[in-house]
Amino acid sequence: MMMECTECGTPGRPEALPDGLCHPCRQPKTTTATGTSTGAPTDPPAERDITKLVAGLRNLLKTP
């Protein structure tokens, strides 16, 4: 039985794709020289106002 990486679509055996990812896609990603991020954040996420965030999500659910 063969599977595909959920990130890039590379085929492989199930034991070679833990969590559905191939080896290159499991590697931590860094920021390139051009400044574009390729995955892992370098700074911790900013603290959010959860009440405001949830209220915004509820408003989005009400939108037709």
Protein backbone atom coordinates (compact mmCIF):
# COMPACT_ATOMS: atom_id res chain seq x y z
CA MET A 1 0.00 0.00 0.00
CA MET A 2 1.32 3.46 -0.92
CA MET A 3 0.42 6.87 0.49
CA GLU A 4 1.25 10.46 -0.44
CA CYS A 5 2.74 13.23 1.68
CA THR A 6 -0.08 15.58 2.65
CA GLU A 7 2.18 18.60 2.13
CA CYS A 8 3.94 17.96 -1.20
CA GLY A 9 2.32 14.79 -2.59
CA THR A 10 5.49 12.66 -2.64
CA PRO A 11 4.53 8.96 -2.71
CA GLY A 12 5.83 6.63 -0.03
CA ARG A 13 5.11 3.71 2.26
CA PRO A 14 2.98 4.49 5.35
CA GLU A 15 5.89 3.88 7.75
CA ALA A 16 7.96 6.46 5.82
CA LEU A 17 5.25 9.12 6.20
CA PRO A 18 4.63 9.58 9.95
CA ASP A 19 1.81 12.09 10.52
CA GLY A 20 1.33 12.04 6.73
CA LEU A 21 4.53 14.00 6.02
CA CYS A 22 7.68 12.95 4.14
CA HIS A 23 11.12 13.57 5.64
CA PRO A 24 11.78 16.95 3.91
CA CYS A 25 8.34 18.26 4.91
CA ARG A 26 8.90 17.23 8.56
CA GLN A 27 12.11 19.28 8.79
CA PRO A 28 11.84 22.67 10.54
CA LYS A 29 11.56 25.44 8.01
CA THR A 30 13.43 28.74 8.26
CA THR A 31 13.34 32.20 6.70
CA THR A 32 15.12 32.49 3.35
CA ALA A 33 17.62 35.18 2.36
CA THR A 34 14.86 37.03 0.49
CA GLY A 35 12.94 37.40 3.75
CA THR A 36 10.13 35.03 2.90
CA SER A 37 9.16 32.60 5.61
CA THR A 38 9.17 28.92 4.74
CA GLY A 39 7.36 27.69 7.82
CA ALA A 40 8.43 27.86 11.45
CA PRO A 41 7.96 31.24 13.14
CA THR A 42 11.08 32.80 14.66
CA ASP A 43 9.24 34.91 17.25
CA PRO A 44 6.61 33.67 19.68
CA PRO A 45 3.07 34.61 18.63
CA ALA A 46 1.77 37.89 19.97
CA GLU A 47 -0.67 37.75 22.85
CA ARG A 48 -4.26 38.09 21.62
CA ASP A 49 -7.45 39.38 23.14
CA ILE A 50 -9.38 36.10 23.06
CA THR A 51 -12.74 37.78 23.72
CA LYS A 52 -12.24 40.02 20.68
CA LEU A 53 -11.07 37.10 18.56
CA VAL A 54 -14.09 34.94 19.44
CA ALA A 55 -16.49 37.86 18.87
CA GLY A 56 -14.98 38.36 15.41
CA LEU A 57 -15.37 34.66 14.61
CA ARG A 58 -19.00 34.73 15.73
CA ASN A 59 -19.64 37.74 13.48
CA LEU A 60 -18.12 35.85 10.55
CA LEU A 61 -20.47 32.95 11.18
CA LYS A 62 -23.46 35.32 11.03
CA THR A 63 -22.37 36.73 7.63
CA PRO A 64 -24.40 35.20 4.76
